[in-house]
Amino acid sequence: MSVSGLCEVCQQPDVDHSCDRCGRLVCDDHFDEHAGFCVECTAELGGGRPGQGGAEERPDGVDTYRS
């Protein structure tokens, strides 16, 4: 997504993305393409969108289905 303004993390004029979570305008360096979030939201969430992690996010076996 091409947007105009300053990166809200580093104040550089090369803004290319808008965070899907908080709406911050950020440059390539401060956007996690995989998550769709700025690096600050990605860090708050532990590296990705909630519910997309593997078994390491559910060490007690919660949310696993067995037949």
C-alpha atoms as a PDB file:
ATOM      1  CA  MET A   1       0.000   0.000   0.000  1.00  0.00           C
ATOM      2  CA  SER A   2       1.404   3.372  -0.934  1.00  0.00           C
ATOM      3  CA  VAL A   3       0.697   6.110   1.583  1.00  0.00           C
ATOM      4  CA  SER A   4       2.224   9.524   2.196  1.00  0.00           C
ATOM      5  CA  GLY A   5       3.629  11.001   5.379  1.00  0.00           C
ATOM      6  CA  LEU A   6       6.411  10.253   7.831  1.00  0.00           C
ATOM      7  CA  CYS A   7       7.099   6.871   9.400  1.00  0.00           C
ATOM      8  CA  GLU A   8       5.563   7.045  12.870  1.00  0.00           C
ATOM      9  CA  VAL A   9       8.438   4.989  14.311  1.00  0.00           C
ATOM     10  CA  CYS A  10      11.572   6.589  12.808  1.00  0.00           C
ATOM     11  CA  GLN A  11      10.207   9.795  11.193  1.00  0.00           C
ATOM     12  CA  GLN A  12      11.684   8.951   7.760  1.00  0.00           C
ATOM     13  CA  PRO A  13       9.686  10.197   4.745  1.00  0.00           C
ATOM     14  CA  ASP A  14       9.619   6.792   3.013  1.00  0.00           C
ATOM     15  CA  VAL A  15       6.242   5.510   4.228  1.00  0.00           C
ATOM     16  CA  ASP A  16       4.949   2.471   2.349  1.00  0.00           C
ATOM     17  CA  HIS A  17       2.597   0.714   4.777  1.00  0.00           C
ATOM     18  CA  SER A  18      -0.233   1.188   7.243  1.00  0.00           C
ATOM     19  CA  CYS A  19      -0.460  -1.170  10.235  1.00  0.00           C
ATOM     20  CA  ASP A  20      -3.568  -3.396  10.095  1.00  0.00           C
ATOM     21  CA  ARG A  21      -3.863  -3.272  13.899  1.00  0.00           C
ATOM     22  CA  CYS A  22      -3.157   0.308  15.027  1.00  0.00           C
ATOM     23  CA  GLY A  23      -3.146   2.236  11.748  1.00  0.00           C
ATOM     24  CA  ARG A  24       0.369   3.674  12.135  1.00  0.00           C
ATOM     25  CA  LEU A  25       2.045   4.787   8.906  1.00  0.00           C
ATOM     26  CA  VAL A  26       5.411   3.025   8.728  1.00  0.00           C
ATOM     27  CA  CYS A  27       8.370   2.462   6.398  1.00  0.00           C
ATOM     28  CA  ASP A  28       9.561  -0.938   5.119  1.00  0.00           C
ATOM     29  CA  ASP A  29      12.009  -1.244   8.041  1.00  0.00           C
ATOM     30  CA  HIS A  30       9.209  -0.952  10.615  1.00  0.00           C
ATOM     31  CA  PHE A  31       6.579  -3.163   8.967  1.00  0.00           C
ATOM     32  CA  ASP A  32       6.240  -6.924   9.405  1.00  0.00           C
ATOM     33  CA  GLU A  33       5.015  -8.060   5.984  1.00  0.00           C
ATOM     34  CA  HIS A  34       4.055 -11.527   7.254  1.00  0.00           C
ATOM     35  CA  ALA A  35       1.902 -10.242  10.123  1.00  0.00           C
ATOM     36  CA  GLY A  36       0.615  -7.087   8.417  1.00  0.00           C
ATOM     37  CA  PHE A  37       1.509  -5.082  11.519  1.00  0.00           C
ATOM     38  CA  CYS A  38       4.050  -2.438  12.454  1.00  0.00           C
ATOM     39  CA  VAL A  39       7.015  -3.745  14.453  1.00  0.00           C
ATOM     40  CA  GLU A  40       5.587  -2.273  17.671  1.00  0.00           C
ATOM     41  CA  CYS A  41       2.290  -4.183  17.370  1.00  0.00           C
ATOM     42  CA  THR A  42       4.147  -7.322  16.299  1.00  0.00           C
ATOM     43  CA  ALA A  43       6.312  -7.082  19.436  1.00  0.00           C
ATOM     44  CA  GLU A  44       3.253  -6.524  21.665  1.00  0.00           C
ATOM     45  CA  LEU A  45       1.624  -9.646  20.239  1.00  0.00           C
ATOM     46  CA  GLY A  46       4.709 -11.788  20.544  1.00  0.00           C
ATOM     47  CA  GLY A  47       5.652 -11.966  16.884  1.00  0.00           C
ATOM     48  CA  GLY A  48       2.418 -12.452  14.952  1.00  0.00           C
ATOM     49  CA  ARG A  49      -1.322 -12.295  14.825  1.00  0.00           C
ATOM     50  CA  PRO A  50      -3.156 -13.977  17.700  1.00  0.00           C
ATOM     51  CA  GLY A  51      -4.209 -17.524  16.991  1.00  0.00           C
ATOM     52  CA  GLN A  52      -1.768 -18.129  14.169  1.00  0.00           C
ATOM     53  CA  GLY A  53       0.978 -19.674  16.226  1.00  0.00           C
ATOM     54  CA  GLY A  54       1.844 -23.292  16.613  1.00  0.00           C
ATOM     55  CA  ALA A  55       1.877 -25.619  19.599  1.00  0.00           C
ATOM     56  CA  GLU A  56       4.437 -23.464  21.400  1.00  0.00           C
ATOM     57  CA  GLU A  57       1.620 -20.960  22.038  1.00  0.00           C
ATOM     58  CA  ARG A  58      -0.477 -23.738  23.594  1.00  0.00           C
ATOM     59  CA  PRO A  59       1.939 -25.650  25.834  1.00  0.00           C
ATOM     60  CA  ASP A  60      -0.839 -27.090  27.998  1.00  0.00           C
ATOM     61  CA  GLY A  61      -2.669 -28.597  25.002  1.00  0.00           C
ATOM     62  CA  VAL A  62      -5.557 -26.126  25.113  1.00  0.00           C
ATOM     63  CA  ASP A  63      -7.243 -25.537  21.753  1.00  0.00           C
ATOM     64  CA  THR A  64      -6.081 -28.813  20.278  1.00  0.00           C
ATOM     65  CA  TYR A  65      -8.624 -31.209  18.887  1.00  0.00           C
ATOM     66  CA  ARG A  66      -8.353 -34.963  19.036  1.00  0.00           C
ATOM     67  CA  SER A  67     -10.622 -37.628  17.583  1.00  0.00           C
END
